[in-house]
Amino acid sequence: MRRAQGFTLLELLVAVAVFAVVATMAYGGLRVVVDAKSRLDEQAREWRALQIAVYAIERDLRQAVPRAIREDYGDPRPALQGGEDRAEWSRLDLSVDGSGVGASLGRVRYYLADGELWQERELVLDRAPRESARRRRLLEGVESLEFRYWAAADAIGRDWPPARGDLPLDSLPRGVEFRLRGERFGEVSRLVELPEPPP
């Protein structure tokens, strides 16, 4: 009499138990890898946003122009006006299209609101009362934003124009330092030399 071929119930239960243990271990390892990748992706997004914000401020400062403006109702404003936690200035905006390189003057503003760094751009310098700026949130999780203004190597102030008030409205500082602080990225500081006006 030939013996029947196959697995016993006990062998099947052991095989299922071993497979379950191996699958659980594999899933745990895969979960660790997926969680690590998602954390790395989140950190990469945060660093990319920080780089874009720092680059935007640096670029706009390098394109500052000594051109005072008139605000909504004709009151004069300096070419660059800033305090310790906000600043705005006139800038040269270069654009490239099918017809070549174009240049226009505009106004840019940076400030902190509810832990977020904001940029506002105005496409004209001398505004009409109903014109509005284009707002863009650059960075979240910002604890502080500081500007300092370098009139000379040994003259650093937290306001521009300086309080003494004897500078013309179209004057610019020699340089502007800005600092961003955040819980996730620490402190980032840049000192940008502003372009000198033509003689």
C-alpha atoms as a PDB file:
ATOM      1  CA  MET A   1       0.000   0.000   0.000  1.00  0.00           C
ATOM      2  CA  ARG A   2       1.541   3.386  -1.052  1.00  0.00           C
ATOM      3  CA  ARG A   3       1.718   6.165   1.469  1.00  0.00           C
ATOM      4  CA  ALA A   4      -0.220   9.376   0.512  1.00  0.00           C
ATOM      5  CA  GLN A   5       1.960  12.368  -0.428  1.00  0.00           C
ATOM      6  CA  GLY A   6       1.354  15.857   1.089  1.00  0.00           C
ATOM      7  CA  PHE A   7       1.745  17.989   4.199  1.00  0.00           C
ATOM      8  CA  THR A   8       0.262  17.329   7.548  1.00  0.00           C
ATOM      9  CA  LEU A   9      -1.799  19.964   9.321  1.00  0.00           C
ATOM     10  CA  LEU A  10       1.015  20.543  11.797  1.00  0.00           C
ATOM     11  CA  GLU A  11       3.524  21.191   8.991  1.00  0.00           C
ATOM     12  CA  LEU A  12       1.159  23.698   7.377  1.00  0.00           C
ATOM     13  CA  LEU A  13       0.662  25.540  10.680  1.00  0.00           C
ATOM     14  CA  VAL A  14       4.420  25.747  11.234  1.00  0.00           C
ATOM     15  CA  ALA A  15       4.953  27.047   7.678  1.00  0.00           C
ATOM     16  CA  VAL A  16       2.237  29.697   8.105  1.00  0.00           C
ATOM     17  CA  ALA A  17       3.692  30.770  11.468  1.00  0.00           C
ATOM     18  CA  VAL A  18       7.215  31.109  10.008  1.00  0.00           C
ATOM     19  CA  PHE A  19       5.856  33.069   7.038  1.00  0.00           C
ATOM     20  CA  ALA A  20       3.946  35.396   9.397  1.00  0.00           C
ATOM     21  CA  VAL A  21       7.078  36.083  11.471  1.00  0.00           C
ATOM     22  CA  VAL A  22       9.180  36.785   8.368  1.00  0.00           C
ATOM     23  CA  ALA A  23       6.474  39.041   6.863  1.00  0.00           C
ATOM     24  CA  THR A  24       6.157  41.000  10.130  1.00  0.00           C
ATOM     25  CA  MET A  25       9.919  41.548  10.283  1.00  0.00           C
ATOM     26  CA  ALA A  26      10.034  42.594   6.622  1.00  0.00           C
ATOM     27  CA  TYR A  27       7.136  45.013   7.091  1.00  0.00           C
ATOM     28  CA  GLY A  28       8.805  46.542  10.152  1.00  0.00           C
ATOM     29  CA  GLY A  29      12.035  47.084   8.217  1.00  0.00           C
ATOM     30  CA  LEU A  30      10.160  48.525   5.249  1.00  0.00           C
ATOM     31  CA  ARG A  31       8.222  50.854   7.562  1.00  0.00           C
ATOM     32  CA  VAL A  32      11.478  52.157   9.068  1.00  0.00           C
ATOM     33  CA  VAL A  33      12.859  52.836   5.576  1.00  0.00           C
ATOM     34  CA  VAL A  34       9.663  54.585   4.425  1.00  0.00           C
ATOM     35  CA  ASP A  35       9.521  56.741   7.590  1.00  0.00           C
ATOM     36  CA  ALA A  36      13.193  57.710   7.226  1.00  0.00           C
ATOM     37  CA  LYS A  37      12.659  58.647   3.577  1.00  0.00           C
ATOM     38  CA  SER A  38       9.624  60.763   4.414  1.00  0.00           C
ATOM     39  CA  ARG A  39      11.586  62.595   7.156  1.00  0.00           C
ATOM     40  CA  LEU A  40      14.474  63.196   4.754  1.00  0.00           C
ATOM     41  CA  ASP A  41      12.069  64.479   2.082  1.00  0.00           C
ATOM     42  CA  GLU A  42      10.489  66.875   4.603  1.00  0.00           C
ATOM     43  CA  GLN A  43      13.915  68.159   5.679  1.00  0.00           C
ATOM     44  CA  ALA A  44      14.921  68.579   2.024  1.00  0.00           C
ATOM     45  CA  ARG A  45      11.745  70.625   1.369  1.00  0.00           C
ATOM     46  CA  GLU A  46      12.492  72.831   4.388  1.00  0.00           C
ATOM     47  CA  TRP A  47      16.104  73.424   3.324  1.00  0.00           C
ATOM     48  CA  ARG A  48      15.020  74.140  -0.244  1.00  0.00           C
ATOM     49  CA  ALA A  49      12.484  76.710   1.012  1.00  0.00           C
ATOM     50  CA  LEU A  50      15.182  78.307   3.193  1.00  0.00           C
ATOM     51  CA  GLN A  51      17.608  78.501   0.262  1.00  0.00           C
ATOM     52  CA  ILE A  52      14.949  80.056  -1.978  1.00  0.00           C
ATOM     53  CA  ALA A  53      14.072  82.663   0.685  1.00  0.00           C
ATOM     54  CA  VAL A  54      17.711  83.629   1.329  1.00  0.00           C
ATOM     55  CA  TYR A  55      18.430  83.779  -2.405  1.00  0.00           C
ATOM     56  CA  ALA A  56      15.365  85.972  -3.023  1.00  0.00           C
ATOM     57  CA  ILE A  57      16.418  88.550  -0.410  1.00  0.00           C
ATOM     58  CA  GLU A  58      20.035  88.555  -1.628  1.00  0.00           C
ATOM     59  CA  ARG A  59      19.001  88.935  -5.281  1.00  0.00           C
ATOM     60  CA  ASP A  60      16.603  91.788  -4.544  1.00  0.00           C
ATOM     61  CA  LEU A  61      19.217  93.607  -2.439  1.00  0.00           C
ATOM     62  CA  ARG A  62      21.801  93.290  -5.225  1.00  0.00           C
ATOM     63  CA  GLN A  63      19.287  94.883  -7.606  1.00  0.00           C
ATOM     64  CA  ALA A  64      18.482  97.833  -5.318  1.00  0.00           C
ATOM     65  CA  VAL A  65      18.414 101.214  -7.069  1.00  0.00           C
ATOM     66  CA  PRO A  66      18.715 104.707  -5.547  1.00  0.00           C
ATOM     67  CA  ARG A  67      15.236 105.857  -6.570  1.00  0.00           C
ATOM     68  CA  ALA A  68      12.910 107.449  -4.026  1.00  0.00           C
ATOM     69  CA  ILE A  69       9.173 106.980  -4.552  1.00  0.00           C
ATOM     70  CA  ARG A  70       5.879 108.699  -3.928  1.00  0.00           C
ATOM     71  CA  GLU A  71       3.317 106.607  -2.114  1.00  0.00           C
ATOM     72  CA  ASP A  72      -0.443 106.467  -2.615  1.00  0.00           C
ATOM     73  CA  TYR A  73      -1.244 110.120  -1.901  1.00  0.00           C
ATOM     74  CA  GLY A  74       2.008 111.718  -3.047  1.00  0.00           C
ATOM     75  CA  ASP A  75       4.049 111.523   0.160  1.00  0.00           C
ATOM     76  CA  PRO A  76       7.752 110.927  -0.545  1.00  0.00           C
ATOM     77  CA  ARG A  77       9.408 107.709   0.616  1.00  0.00           C
ATOM     78  CA  PRO A  78      13.131 106.815   0.630  1.00  0.00           C
ATOM     79  CA  ALA A  79      14.679 104.504  -1.922  1.00  0.00           C
ATOM     80  CA  LEU A  80      15.293 102.060   0.917  1.00  0.00           C
ATOM     81  CA  GLN A  81      13.278 102.228   4.104  1.00  0.00           C
ATOM     82  CA  GLY A  82      13.694  99.712   6.859  1.00  0.00           C
ATOM     83  CA  GLY A  83      13.573  98.933  10.513  1.00  0.00           C
ATOM     84  CA  GLU A  84      14.931  96.050  12.498  1.00  0.00           C
ATOM     85  CA  ASP A  85      12.314  93.499  11.424  1.00  0.00           C
ATOM     86  CA  ARG A  86      11.140  94.722   7.981  1.00  0.00           C
ATOM     87  CA  ALA A  87      12.536  96.502   4.956  1.00  0.00           C
ATOM     88  CA  GLU A  88      11.453  97.705   1.534  1.00  0.00           C
ATOM     89  CA  TRP A  89      13.377  99.180  -1.355  1.00  0.00           C
ATOM     90  CA  SER A  90      13.257 100.107  -5.029  1.00  0.00           C
ATOM     91  CA  ARG A  91      14.757  97.499  -7.314  1.00  0.00           C
ATOM     92  CA  LEU A  92      15.601  96.896 -10.933  1.00  0.00           C
ATOM     93  CA  ASP A  93      13.672  93.955 -12.322  1.00  0.00           C
ATOM     94  CA  LEU A  94      15.282  92.232 -15.301  1.00  0.00           C
ATOM     95  CA  SER A  95      13.172  89.892 -17.395  1.00  0.00           C
ATOM     96  CA  VAL A  96      13.910  87.831 -20.494  1.00  0.00           C
ATOM     97  CA  ASP A  97      11.334  87.086 -23.173  1.00  0.00           C
ATOM     98  CA  GLY A  98      11.251  86.406 -26.907  1.00  0.00           C
ATOM     99  CA  SER A  99      12.178  89.998 -27.744  1.00  0.00           C
ATOM    100  CA  GLY A 100      15.256  90.054 -25.479  1.00  0.00           C
ATOM    101  CA  VAL A 101      16.086  91.394 -22.050  1.00  0.00           C
ATOM    102  CA  GLY A 102      13.744  93.950 -20.529  1.00  0.00           C
ATOM    103  CA  ALA A 103      14.206  96.119 -17.452  1.00  0.00           C
ATOM    104  CA  SER A 104      11.650  97.770 -15.219  1.00  0.00           C
ATOM    105  CA  LEU A 105      11.645  99.383 -11.795  1.00  0.00           C
ATOM    106  CA  GLY A 106       9.543  98.058  -8.940  1.00  0.00           C
ATOM    107  CA  ARG A 107       9.333  97.934  -5.185  1.00  0.00           C
ATOM    108  CA  VAL A 108       9.929  94.930  -2.946  1.00  0.00           C
ATOM    109  CA  ARG A 109       9.137  94.441   0.739  1.00  0.00           C
ATOM    110  CA  TYR A 110      10.111  91.708   3.245  1.00  0.00           C
ATOM    111  CA  TYR A 111       8.547  91.213   6.661  1.00  0.00           C
ATOM    112  CA  LEU A 112       7.592  88.595   9.226  1.00  0.00           C
ATOM    113  CA  ALA A 113       3.950  87.805  10.120  1.00  0.00           C
ATOM    114  CA  ASP A 114       2.801  84.978  12.399  1.00  0.00           C
ATOM    115  CA  GLY A 115       6.056  83.060  12.070  1.00  0.00           C
ATOM    116  CA  GLU A 116       6.108  83.310   8.264  1.00  0.00           C
ATOM    117  CA  LEU A 117       8.448  85.274   6.018  1.00  0.00           C
ATOM    118  CA  TRP A 118       6.542  87.233   3.372  1.00  0.00           C
ATOM    119  CA  GLN A 119       7.632  89.022   0.218  1.00  0.00           C
ATOM    120  CA  GLU A 120       5.528  91.745  -1.412  1.00  0.00           C
ATOM    121  CA  ARG A 121       6.281  93.049  -4.894  1.00  0.00           C
ATOM    122  CA  GLU A 122       4.895  96.140  -6.547  1.00  0.00           C
ATOM    123  CA  LEU A 123       5.374  96.440 -10.280  1.00  0.00           C
ATOM    124  CA  VAL A 124       5.482 100.248 -10.207  1.00  0.00           C
ATOM    125  CA  LEU A 125       7.343 102.675  -8.002  1.00  0.00           C
ATOM    126  CA  ASP A 126       4.945 105.590  -7.671  1.00  0.00           C
ATOM    127  CA  ARG A 127       1.728 103.884  -6.659  1.00  0.00           C
ATOM    128  CA  ALA A 128      -1.824 104.940  -7.287  1.00  0.00           C
ATOM    129  CA  PRO A 129      -4.187 104.595  -4.298  1.00  0.00           C
ATOM    130  CA  ARG A 130      -5.876 101.413  -5.524  1.00  0.00           C
ATOM    131  CA  GLU A 131      -2.841  99.489  -6.656  1.00  0.00           C
ATOM    132  CA  SER A 132      -1.978  96.465  -4.566  1.00  0.00           C
ATOM    133  CA  ALA A 133       1.155  94.416  -4.110  1.00  0.00           C
ATOM    134  CA  ARG A 134       1.611  90.759  -4.975  1.00  0.00           C
ATOM    135  CA  ARG A 135       2.206  88.773  -1.801  1.00  0.00           C
ATOM    136  CA  ARG A 136       4.142  85.533  -1.574  1.00  0.00           C
ATOM    137  CA  ARG A 137       4.903  83.425   1.489  1.00  0.00           C
ATOM    138  CA  LEU A 138       8.543  82.381   1.294  1.00  0.00           C
ATOM    139  CA  LEU A 139       9.204  80.483   4.505  1.00  0.00           C
ATOM    140  CA  GLU A 140       7.370  79.025   7.499  1.00  0.00           C
ATOM    141  CA  GLY A 141       8.625  78.434  11.036  1.00  0.00           C
ATOM    142  CA  VAL A 142      10.610  81.676  11.274  1.00  0.00           C
ATOM    143  CA  GLU A 143      11.126  82.981  14.804  1.00  0.00           C
ATOM    144  CA  SER A 144      12.795  86.270  13.932  1.00  0.00           C
ATOM    145  CA  LEU A 145      13.917  88.427  11.018  1.00  0.00           C
ATOM    146  CA  GLU A 146      16.490  91.168  11.564  1.00  0.00           C
ATOM    147  CA  PHE A 147      17.945  93.786   9.256  1.00  0.00           C
ATOM    148  CA  ARG A 148      21.026  95.931   9.916  1.00  0.00           C
ATOM    149  CA  TYR A 149      22.218  98.719   7.659  1.00  0.00           C
ATOM    150  CA  TRP A 150      25.864  99.561   7.001  1.00  0.00           C
ATOM    151  CA  ALA A 151      26.378 103.227   6.170  1.00  0.00           C
ATOM    152  CA  ALA A 152      30.155 102.736   6.431  1.00  0.00           C
ATOM    153  CA  ALA A 153      32.576 100.183   7.847  1.00  0.00           C
ATOM    154  CA  ASP A 154      32.125 101.514  11.388  1.00  0.00           C
ATOM    155  CA  ALA A 155      28.547 102.832  11.153  1.00  0.00           C
ATOM    156  CA  ILE A 156      25.909 100.157  11.590  1.00  0.00           C
ATOM    157  CA  GLY A 157      22.292 100.958  12.332  1.00  0.00           C
ATOM    158  CA  ARG A 158      18.986  99.214  12.861  1.00  0.00           C
ATOM    159  CA  ASP A 159      17.009 101.814  10.882  1.00  0.00           C
ATOM    160  CA  TRP A 160      17.368 103.288   7.429  1.00  0.00           C
ATOM    161  CA  PRO A 161      17.439 106.169   6.719  1.00  0.00           C
ATOM    162  CA  PRO A 162      19.362 106.933   9.914  1.00  0.00           C
ATOM    163  CA  ALA A 163      17.660 109.078  12.545  1.00  0.00           C
ATOM    164  CA  ARG A 164      19.967 112.057  11.937  1.00  0.00           C
ATOM    165  CA  GLY A 165      17.949 112.736   8.776  1.00  0.00           C
ATOM    166  CA  ASP A 166      20.536 114.584   6.666  1.00  0.00           C
ATOM    167  CA  LEU A 167      20.705 112.017   3.847  1.00  0.00           C
ATOM    168  CA  PRO A 168      18.815 112.498   0.580  1.00  0.00           C
ATOM    169  CA  LEU A 169      15.824 110.231   0.022  1.00  0.00           C
ATOM    170  CA  ASP A 170      17.538 108.375  -2.824  1.00  0.00           C
ATOM    171  CA  SER A 171      20.561 107.332  -0.741  1.00  0.00           C
ATOM    172  CA  LEU A 172      21.290 103.665  -0.071  1.00  0.00           C
ATOM    173  CA  PRO A 173      23.439 102.082   2.626  1.00  0.00           C
ATOM    174  CA  ARG A 174      26.734 100.484   1.624  1.00  0.00           C
ATOM    175  CA  GLY A 175      25.396  97.103   2.662  1.00  0.00           C
ATOM    176  CA  VAL A 176      22.512  95.332   4.354  1.00  0.00           C
ATOM    177  CA  GLU A 177      22.829  92.406   6.723  1.00  0.00           C
ATOM    178  CA  PHE A 178      19.842  90.189   7.352  1.00  0.00           C
ATOM    179  CA  ARG A 179      19.385  87.321   9.807  1.00  0.00           C
ATOM    180  CA  LEU A 180      16.733  84.633   9.826  1.00  0.00           C
ATOM    181  CA  ARG A 181      16.195  82.451  12.885  1.00  0.00           C
ATOM    182  CA  GLY A 182      14.036  79.356  13.065  1.00  0.00           C
ATOM    183  CA  GLU A 183      13.629  76.425  15.387  1.00  0.00           C
ATOM    184  CA  ARG A 184      14.217  73.914  12.600  1.00  0.00           C
ATOM    185  CA  PHE A 185      17.103  75.587  10.727  1.00  0.00           C
ATOM    186  CA  GLY A 186      18.871  77.648  13.398  1.00  0.00           C
ATOM    187  CA  GLU A 187      20.270  81.014  12.295  1.00  0.00           C
ATOM    188  CA  VAL A 188      21.187  82.132   8.791  1.00  0.00           C
ATOM    189  CA  SER A 189      22.977  85.435   8.275  1.00  0.00           C
ATOM    190  CA  ARG A 190      24.051  87.231   5.092  1.00  0.00           C
ATOM    191  CA  LEU A 191      25.759  90.570   4.461  1.00  0.00           C
ATOM    192  CA  VAL A 192      24.998  91.940   0.999  1.00  0.00           C
ATOM    193  CA  GLU A 193      26.909  94.836  -0.518  1.00  0.00           C
ATOM    194  CA  LEU A 194      24.558  97.127  -2.374  1.00  0.00           C
ATOM    195  CA  PRO A 195      25.440  98.485  -5.809  1.00  0.00           C
ATOM    196  CA  GLU A 196      27.060 101.889  -5.835  1.00  0.00           C
ATOM    197  CA  PRO A 197      25.277 104.642  -7.747  1.00  0.00           C
ATOM    198  CA  PRO A 198      26.975 105.785 -10.954  1.00  0.00           C
ATOM    199  CA  PRO A 199      29.242 108.867 -10.575  1.00  0.00           C
END
